[in-house]
N, C-alpha and C. Protein backbone atom coordinates (compact mmCIF):
# COMPACT_ATOMS: atom_id res chain seq x y z
N MET A 1 -17.83 3.33 -7.92
CA MET A 1 -17.70 3.81 -6.56
C MET A 1 -16.46 4.76 -6.53
N LYS A 2 -16.56 5.79 -5.71
CA LYS A 2 -15.56 6.81 -5.71
C LYS A 2 -14.70 6.84 -4.40
N ILE A 3 -13.43 7.09 -4.56
CA ILE A 3 -12.51 7.31 -3.44
C ILE A 3 -11.79 8.65 -3.75
N ARG A 4 -11.73 9.55 -2.79
CA ARG A 4 -11.07 10.79 -2.95
C ARG A 4 -10.12 11.04 -1.75
N LEU A 5 -8.88 11.30 -2.02
CA LEU A 5 -7.90 11.64 -1.03
C LEU A 5 -7.29 12.97 -1.32
N VAL A 6 -7.20 13.81 -0.32
CA VAL A 6 -6.62 15.14 -0.48
C VAL A 6 -5.46 15.30 0.52
N THR A 7 -4.29 15.69 0.01
CA THR A 7 -3.09 15.83 0.84
C THR A 7 -2.50 17.24 0.64
N GLU A 8 -2.28 17.94 1.76
CA GLU A 8 -1.64 19.26 1.68
C GLU A 8 -0.13 19.02 1.79
N ILE A 9 0.57 19.67 0.93
CA ILE A 9 2.06 19.60 0.93
C ILE A 9 2.54 21.06 1.11
N ASN A 10 3.39 21.29 2.04
CA ASN A 10 3.90 22.60 2.35
C ASN A 10 5.19 22.91 1.51
N LYS A 11 4.99 22.85 0.26
CA LYS A 11 6.03 23.14 -0.75
C LYS A 11 5.34 23.87 -1.88
N SER A 12 6.18 24.56 -2.70
CA SER A 12 5.58 25.31 -3.81
C SER A 12 5.03 24.37 -4.87
N PHE A 13 4.06 24.85 -5.61
CA PHE A 13 3.43 24.12 -6.68
C PHE A 13 4.53 23.70 -7.70
N ASP A 14 5.41 24.61 -8.04
CA ASP A 14 6.44 24.35 -9.04
C ASP A 14 7.31 23.18 -8.59
N PHE A 15 7.71 23.16 -7.32
CA PHE A 15 8.51 22.12 -6.75
C PHE A 15 7.83 20.76 -6.82
N VAL A 16 6.56 20.76 -6.29
CA VAL A 16 5.79 19.54 -6.18
C VAL A 16 5.53 18.94 -7.59
N SER A 17 5.07 19.75 -8.50
CA SER A 17 4.74 19.26 -9.86
C SER A 17 5.98 18.82 -10.57
N ALA A 18 7.12 19.51 -10.37
CA ALA A 18 8.34 19.12 -11.04
C ALA A 18 8.87 17.73 -10.54
N HIS A 19 8.50 17.37 -9.32
CA HIS A 19 8.96 16.08 -8.77
C HIS A 19 7.85 15.08 -8.67
N PHE A 20 6.75 15.27 -9.42
CA PHE A 20 5.71 14.29 -9.56
C PHE A 20 6.11 13.41 -10.74
N ASP A 21 6.92 12.40 -10.48
CA ASP A 21 7.63 11.69 -11.52
C ASP A 21 7.80 10.20 -11.18
N ARG A 22 8.60 9.56 -11.99
CA ARG A 22 8.84 8.09 -11.79
C ARG A 22 9.39 7.80 -10.40
N LYS A 23 10.30 8.61 -9.92
CA LYS A 23 10.88 8.42 -8.56
C LYS A 23 9.78 8.43 -7.49
N LEU A 24 8.84 9.40 -7.60
CA LEU A 24 7.73 9.47 -6.67
C LEU A 24 6.86 8.20 -6.84
N PHE A 25 6.53 7.85 -8.09
CA PHE A 25 5.67 6.69 -8.29
C PHE A 25 6.30 5.45 -7.70
N SER A 26 7.63 5.27 -7.85
CA SER A 26 8.30 4.11 -7.27
C SER A 26 8.22 4.13 -5.75
N PHE A 27 8.35 5.32 -5.18
CA PHE A 27 8.24 5.49 -3.72
C PHE A 27 6.84 5.12 -3.19
N LEU A 28 5.81 5.34 -4.01
CA LEU A 28 4.45 5.08 -3.58
C LEU A 28 4.05 3.58 -3.71
N LEU A 29 4.81 2.82 -4.46
CA LEU A 29 4.50 1.40 -4.65
C LEU A 29 4.57 0.62 -3.38
N PRO A 30 3.79 -0.44 -3.20
CA PRO A 30 3.99 -1.31 -2.04
C PRO A 30 5.35 -1.95 -2.08
N PRO A 31 5.75 -2.61 -1.01
CA PRO A 31 7.08 -3.29 -1.03
C PRO A 31 7.22 -4.23 -2.14
N LYS A 32 8.50 -4.44 -2.54
CA LYS A 32 8.76 -5.36 -3.70
C LYS A 32 8.24 -6.76 -3.48
N SER A 33 8.05 -7.17 -2.27
CA SER A 33 7.48 -8.50 -2.06
C SER A 33 6.00 -8.57 -2.41
N VAL A 34 5.38 -7.36 -2.55
CA VAL A 34 3.93 -7.31 -2.91
C VAL A 34 3.75 -6.89 -4.38
N ALA A 35 4.54 -5.94 -4.82
CA ALA A 35 4.38 -5.40 -6.17
C ALA A 35 5.67 -5.02 -6.84
N LYS A 36 5.68 -5.10 -8.15
CA LYS A 36 6.93 -4.75 -8.91
C LYS A 36 6.53 -3.87 -10.09
N LEU A 37 7.24 -2.80 -10.31
CA LEU A 37 7.05 -1.96 -11.45
C LEU A 37 7.67 -2.59 -12.69
N ILE A 38 6.83 -2.99 -13.65
CA ILE A 38 7.27 -3.63 -14.87
C ILE A 38 7.59 -2.57 -15.99
N GLY A 39 6.69 -1.60 -16.07
CA GLY A 39 6.86 -0.59 -17.08
C GLY A 39 6.29 0.79 -16.66
N TYR A 40 7.01 1.82 -17.05
CA TYR A 40 6.57 3.18 -16.73
C TYR A 40 7.18 4.05 -17.81
N VAL A 41 6.33 4.84 -18.50
CA VAL A 41 6.85 5.70 -19.56
C VAL A 41 6.72 7.16 -19.07
N GLY A 42 5.57 7.60 -18.59
CA GLY A 42 5.41 8.99 -18.20
C GLY A 42 3.92 9.31 -18.04
N PHE A 43 3.63 10.62 -18.15
CA PHE A 43 2.29 11.10 -17.88
C PHE A 43 1.59 11.71 -19.12
N SER A 44 2.04 11.36 -20.32
CA SER A 44 1.45 11.90 -21.50
C SER A 44 0.35 10.96 -22.03
N PRO A 45 -0.62 11.47 -22.70
CA PRO A 45 -1.63 10.58 -23.27
C PRO A 45 -1.04 9.46 -24.11
N GLY A 46 -1.50 8.25 -23.83
CA GLY A 46 -0.96 7.06 -24.54
C GLY A 46 0.10 6.32 -23.71
N ASP A 47 0.73 6.99 -22.78
CA ASP A 47 1.72 6.30 -21.94
C ASP A 47 1.03 5.31 -21.04
N GLN A 48 1.83 4.28 -20.66
CA GLN A 48 1.28 3.24 -19.78
C GLN A 48 2.12 3.01 -18.56
N VAL A 49 1.48 2.54 -17.54
CA VAL A 49 2.15 2.09 -16.27
C VAL A 49 1.72 0.66 -16.10
N HIS A 50 2.70 -0.20 -15.86
CA HIS A 50 2.43 -1.63 -15.67
C HIS A 50 3.01 -2.07 -14.34
N ILE A 51 2.15 -2.55 -13.46
CA ILE A 51 2.53 -3.07 -12.18
C ILE A 51 2.17 -4.51 -12.13
N GLN A 52 3.05 -5.33 -11.56
CA GLN A 52 2.75 -6.75 -11.36
C GLN A 52 2.66 -7.00 -9.84
N PHE A 53 1.47 -7.41 -9.42
CA PHE A 53 1.29 -7.73 -7.99
C PHE A 53 1.57 -9.22 -7.76
N LYS A 54 2.16 -9.49 -6.61
CA LYS A 54 2.48 -10.87 -6.17
C LYS A 54 1.53 -11.35 -5.11
N LEU A 55 1.03 -10.36 -4.33
CA LEU A 55 0.12 -10.73 -3.23
C LEU A 55 -1.14 -9.86 -3.35
N PRO A 56 -2.30 -10.24 -2.97
CA PRO A 56 -2.59 -11.56 -2.43
C PRO A 56 -2.55 -12.66 -3.45
N TRP A 57 -2.54 -12.35 -4.73
CA TRP A 57 -2.37 -13.33 -5.80
C TRP A 57 -1.63 -12.59 -6.94
N SER A 58 -1.06 -13.34 -7.82
CA SER A 58 -0.35 -12.78 -8.95
C SER A 58 -1.33 -12.10 -9.93
N ALA A 59 -1.07 -10.85 -10.24
CA ALA A 59 -1.98 -10.12 -11.14
C ALA A 59 -1.25 -8.92 -11.75
N ASP A 60 -1.59 -8.61 -12.98
CA ASP A 60 -1.05 -7.44 -13.66
C ASP A 60 -2.06 -6.31 -13.60
N TRP A 61 -1.55 -5.08 -13.42
CA TRP A 61 -2.42 -3.88 -13.46
C TRP A 61 -1.72 -2.96 -14.49
N ILE A 62 -2.39 -2.73 -15.59
CA ILE A 62 -1.86 -1.85 -16.61
C ILE A 62 -2.86 -0.69 -16.75
N SER A 63 -2.37 0.48 -16.59
CA SER A 63 -3.15 1.67 -16.73
C SER A 63 -2.57 2.51 -17.89
N GLN A 64 -3.49 3.15 -18.62
CA GLN A 64 -3.09 4.01 -19.73
C GLN A 64 -3.50 5.45 -19.44
N ILE A 65 -2.55 6.34 -19.66
CA ILE A 65 -2.83 7.76 -19.49
C ILE A 65 -3.73 8.24 -20.61
N THR A 66 -4.83 8.85 -20.27
CA THR A 66 -5.77 9.28 -21.29
C THR A 66 -5.77 10.83 -21.50
N SER A 67 -5.40 11.56 -20.51
CA SER A 67 -5.40 13.01 -20.66
C SER A 67 -4.38 13.65 -19.70
N THR A 68 -3.88 14.80 -20.05
CA THR A 68 -2.94 15.55 -19.23
C THR A 68 -3.25 17.03 -19.39
N ARG A 69 -3.17 17.73 -18.27
CA ARG A 69 -3.39 19.23 -18.28
C ARG A 69 -2.26 19.82 -17.37
N VAL A 70 -1.55 20.77 -17.95
CA VAL A 70 -0.43 21.43 -17.21
C VAL A 70 -0.54 22.93 -17.50
N ASN A 71 -0.55 23.73 -16.39
CA ASN A 71 -0.40 25.14 -16.51
C ASN A 71 0.24 25.64 -15.20
N SER A 72 0.19 26.95 -14.95
CA SER A 72 0.93 27.50 -13.81
C SER A 72 0.17 27.29 -12.51
N GLU A 73 -1.03 26.73 -12.53
CA GLU A 73 -1.78 26.45 -11.34
C GLU A 73 -2.17 24.99 -11.11
N VAL A 74 -2.10 24.18 -12.20
CA VAL A 74 -2.61 22.84 -12.15
C VAL A 74 -1.69 21.88 -12.95
N PHE A 75 -1.41 20.70 -12.36
CA PHE A 75 -0.78 19.60 -13.07
C PHE A 75 -1.74 18.43 -12.86
N GLU A 76 -2.24 17.87 -13.95
CA GLU A 76 -3.26 16.82 -13.83
C GLU A 76 -3.07 15.81 -14.94
N PHE A 77 -3.30 14.59 -14.59
CA PHE A 77 -3.41 13.53 -15.63
C PHE A 77 -4.36 12.45 -15.11
N VAL A 78 -4.95 11.77 -16.05
CA VAL A 78 -5.92 10.76 -15.76
C VAL A 78 -5.49 9.41 -16.40
N ASP A 79 -5.60 8.37 -15.63
CA ASP A 79 -5.30 7.00 -16.14
C ASP A 79 -6.52 6.14 -16.00
N ILE A 80 -6.65 5.28 -16.98
CA ILE A 80 -7.76 4.30 -16.89
C ILE A 80 -7.15 2.88 -16.93
N GLY A 81 -7.84 1.96 -16.29
CA GLY A 81 -7.37 0.57 -16.28
C GLY A 81 -7.53 -0.11 -17.58
N ALA A 82 -6.43 -0.55 -18.22
CA ALA A 82 -6.50 -1.28 -19.49
C ALA A 82 -6.52 -2.80 -19.15
N LYS A 83 -5.80 -3.18 -18.10
CA LYS A 83 -5.81 -4.56 -17.63
C LYS A 83 -5.81 -4.47 -16.11
N LEU A 84 -6.80 -5.09 -15.46
CA LEU A 84 -7.00 -4.93 -14.06
C LEU A 84 -6.93 -6.24 -13.33
N PRO A 85 -6.61 -6.20 -12.03
CA PRO A 85 -6.61 -7.42 -11.24
C PRO A 85 -8.02 -7.97 -11.13
N TYR A 86 -8.04 -9.21 -10.76
CA TYR A 86 -9.30 -9.98 -10.63
C TYR A 86 -10.36 -9.20 -9.86
N GLY A 87 -11.53 -9.12 -10.39
CA GLY A 87 -12.68 -8.50 -9.72
C GLY A 87 -12.96 -7.08 -10.14
N LEU A 88 -11.92 -6.35 -10.56
CA LEU A 88 -12.19 -5.02 -11.04
C LEU A 88 -12.53 -4.98 -12.50
N ARG A 89 -13.59 -4.28 -12.82
CA ARG A 89 -14.01 -4.21 -14.24
C ARG A 89 -13.83 -2.77 -14.80
N GLY A 90 -13.56 -1.82 -13.94
CA GLY A 90 -13.37 -0.45 -14.37
C GLY A 90 -12.53 0.33 -13.39
N TRP A 91 -11.63 1.19 -13.88
CA TRP A 91 -10.82 2.00 -13.02
C TRP A 91 -10.47 3.28 -13.76
N GLU A 92 -10.65 4.43 -13.05
CA GLU A 92 -10.23 5.71 -13.54
C GLU A 92 -9.61 6.47 -12.37
N HIS A 93 -8.46 7.04 -12.57
CA HIS A 93 -7.75 7.74 -11.49
C HIS A 93 -7.25 9.09 -11.99
N GLN A 94 -7.82 10.13 -11.38
CA GLN A 94 -7.35 11.51 -11.70
C GLN A 94 -6.32 11.89 -10.69
N HIS A 95 -5.11 12.25 -11.11
CA HIS A 95 -4.07 12.74 -10.27
C HIS A 95 -4.05 14.22 -10.46
N LEU A 96 -4.30 15.00 -9.40
CA LEU A 96 -4.40 16.46 -9.54
C LEU A 96 -3.44 17.09 -8.53
N VAL A 97 -2.59 18.00 -9.02
CA VAL A 97 -1.68 18.75 -8.21
C VAL A 97 -2.15 20.21 -8.42
N GLU A 98 -2.55 20.89 -7.33
CA GLU A 98 -3.12 22.24 -7.44
C GLU A 98 -2.34 23.27 -6.60
N LYS A 99 -2.06 24.35 -7.16
CA LYS A 99 -1.43 25.46 -6.43
C LYS A 99 -2.45 26.07 -5.49
N ARG A 100 -2.07 26.22 -4.23
CA ARG A 100 -3.00 26.89 -3.23
C ARG A 100 -2.35 28.08 -2.58
N GLY A 101 -1.12 28.37 -2.85
CA GLY A 101 -0.40 29.47 -2.25
C GLY A 101 1.02 29.36 -2.63
N ASN A 102 1.84 30.30 -2.13
CA ASN A 102 3.29 30.25 -2.48
C ASN A 102 3.94 29.01 -2.01
N ASP A 103 3.64 28.52 -0.83
CA ASP A 103 4.21 27.34 -0.27
C ASP A 103 3.16 26.32 0.22
N LEU A 104 2.06 26.23 -0.57
CA LEU A 104 1.04 25.27 -0.26
C LEU A 104 0.53 24.66 -1.53
N THR A 105 0.58 23.34 -1.63
CA THR A 105 0.10 22.63 -2.84
C THR A 105 -0.78 21.46 -2.37
N LEU A 106 -1.91 21.21 -3.10
CA LEU A 106 -2.78 20.08 -2.78
C LEU A 106 -2.46 19.00 -3.81
N ILE A 107 -2.40 17.78 -3.34
CA ILE A 107 -2.34 16.63 -4.19
C ILE A 107 -3.69 15.86 -3.97
N VAL A 108 -4.42 15.72 -5.05
CA VAL A 108 -5.77 15.13 -4.96
C VAL A 108 -5.75 13.88 -5.79
N ASP A 109 -6.15 12.75 -5.18
CA ASP A 109 -6.36 11.51 -5.93
C ASP A 109 -7.85 11.23 -5.97
N ASN A 110 -8.42 11.31 -7.13
CA ASN A 110 -9.87 11.01 -7.36
C ASN A 110 -9.91 9.69 -8.13
N MET A 111 -10.50 8.66 -7.48
CA MET A 111 -10.48 7.34 -8.07
C MET A 111 -11.94 6.88 -8.23
N ASN A 112 -12.22 6.28 -9.35
CA ASN A 112 -13.51 5.68 -9.59
C ASN A 112 -13.27 4.24 -10.02
N PHE A 113 -14.01 3.32 -9.36
CA PHE A 113 -13.85 1.92 -9.74
C PHE A 113 -15.16 1.23 -9.78
N LYS A 114 -15.20 0.10 -10.49
CA LYS A 114 -16.43 -0.74 -10.45
C LYS A 114 -16.04 -2.20 -10.66
N THR A 115 -16.82 -3.04 -10.04
CA THR A 115 -16.70 -4.47 -10.15
C THR A 115 -17.70 -5.09 -11.06
N GLY A 116 -18.80 -4.37 -11.28
CA GLY A 116 -19.93 -4.94 -12.05
C GLY A 116 -21.06 -5.37 -11.15
N CYS A 117 -20.81 -5.28 -9.86
CA CYS A 117 -21.83 -5.72 -8.88
C CYS A 117 -21.78 -4.72 -7.70
N ARG A 118 -22.89 -4.08 -7.41
CA ARG A 118 -22.89 -3.05 -6.36
C ARG A 118 -22.43 -3.57 -4.96
N VAL A 119 -22.82 -4.76 -4.64
CA VAL A 119 -22.41 -5.41 -3.37
C VAL A 119 -20.92 -5.59 -3.37
N MET A 120 -20.35 -6.09 -4.49
CA MET A 120 -18.90 -6.25 -4.54
C MET A 120 -18.17 -4.90 -4.49
N ASP A 121 -18.78 -3.87 -5.11
CA ASP A 121 -18.19 -2.54 -5.01
C ASP A 121 -17.98 -2.15 -3.54
N TRP A 122 -19.01 -2.39 -2.73
CA TRP A 122 -18.96 -2.06 -1.30
C TRP A 122 -17.91 -2.91 -0.57
N LEU A 123 -17.71 -4.16 -0.98
CA LEU A 123 -16.72 -5.02 -0.41
C LEU A 123 -15.28 -4.59 -0.83
N TYR A 124 -15.14 -4.14 -2.09
CA TYR A 124 -13.81 -3.72 -2.54
C TYR A 124 -13.43 -2.34 -2.00
N TYR A 125 -14.40 -1.50 -1.68
CA TYR A 125 -14.15 -0.14 -1.25
C TYR A 125 -13.13 -0.08 -0.12
N PRO A 126 -13.38 -0.76 1.03
CA PRO A 126 -12.43 -0.66 2.16
C PRO A 126 -11.01 -1.20 1.78
N ILE A 127 -10.98 -2.16 0.90
CA ILE A 127 -9.65 -2.74 0.50
C ILE A 127 -8.90 -1.67 -0.30
N LEU A 128 -9.53 -1.09 -1.34
CA LEU A 128 -8.85 -0.12 -2.13
C LEU A 128 -8.57 1.14 -1.34
N PHE A 129 -9.46 1.52 -0.46
CA PHE A 129 -9.22 2.68 0.39
C PHE A 129 -7.95 2.48 1.22
N MET A 130 -7.84 1.33 1.83
CA MET A 130 -6.62 0.99 2.65
C MET A 130 -5.37 0.88 1.82
N VAL A 131 -5.47 0.50 0.56
CA VAL A 131 -4.30 0.39 -0.27
C VAL A 131 -3.84 1.82 -0.63
N PHE A 132 -4.73 2.75 -0.90
CA PHE A 132 -4.34 4.11 -1.34
C PHE A 132 -4.25 5.10 -0.21
N TYR A 133 -4.84 4.94 0.93
CA TYR A 133 -4.80 5.85 2.00
C TYR A 133 -3.36 6.19 2.47
N PRO A 134 -2.49 5.25 2.54
CA PRO A 134 -1.10 5.49 2.96
C PRO A 134 -0.38 6.54 2.09
N ARG A 135 -0.91 6.79 0.89
CA ARG A 135 -0.27 7.77 0.06
C ARG A 135 -0.25 9.20 0.73
N LYS A 136 -1.27 9.47 1.53
CA LYS A 136 -1.26 10.79 2.19
C LYS A 136 0.04 11.00 2.99
N ALA A 137 0.41 10.00 3.77
CA ALA A 137 1.62 10.11 4.59
C ALA A 137 2.87 9.95 3.65
N GLN A 138 2.77 9.16 2.63
CA GLN A 138 3.89 8.92 1.75
C GLN A 138 4.21 10.19 0.97
N TYR A 139 3.21 10.91 0.50
CA TYR A 139 3.46 12.18 -0.17
C TYR A 139 4.16 13.14 0.75
N LYS A 140 3.68 13.25 1.98
CA LYS A 140 4.26 14.24 2.92
C LYS A 140 5.74 13.82 3.19
N THR A 141 5.96 12.55 3.46
CA THR A 141 7.36 12.07 3.69
C THR A 141 8.27 12.34 2.52
N TYR A 142 7.81 12.00 1.35
CA TYR A 142 8.58 12.20 0.13
C TYR A 142 8.99 13.62 -0.06
N TYR A 143 8.06 14.52 0.00
CA TYR A 143 8.34 15.91 -0.28
C TYR A 143 9.02 16.60 0.94
N ASP A 144 8.74 16.15 2.13
CA ASP A 144 9.42 16.73 3.28
C ASP A 144 10.93 16.38 3.31
N GLU A 145 11.28 15.18 2.77
CA GLU A 145 12.64 14.69 2.79
C GLU A 145 13.45 15.34 1.67
N MET A 146 12.79 15.90 0.67
CA MET A 146 13.46 16.51 -0.43
C MET A 146 13.92 17.93 -0.02
N ILE A 147 15.12 18.29 -0.53
CA ILE A 147 15.62 19.62 -0.20
C ILE A 147 15.03 20.58 -1.25
N HIS A 148 14.37 21.64 -0.75
CA HIS A 148 13.75 22.63 -1.63
C HIS A 148 14.84 23.54 -2.16
N PRO A 149 14.91 23.70 -3.47
CA PRO A 149 15.97 24.53 -4.09
C PRO A 149 15.78 26.02 -3.70
């Protein structure tokens, strides 16, 4: 099942892509009472991100970066779930930062997940959508609060 979120950021591509980093990732995490960042290396193929969730139950989510593409118009990386919380059997997340103008950048989150059961996919969809939808506002807040050089 697919989830796609598109967020417009009124900052230059160079600025947004340069600050698409650990600090941003930590900013996007749920509160510490819900999740904790255990490990983070970066966005290169083979790197891993490890999050430990405390609610609604204790679970580890480990994703591995499988590909990265960087040029003057696009910053992109893809992660797949190596260890997923209960119920998820597959996860792929494309993070895409695209230049759209001098001071306009798109951040696109393309997520594909599966549980192994179509009915369960439909039940998980609103939960995962609600977990990731706040990123739209979080991205805007994060980049709006940063001082553009």
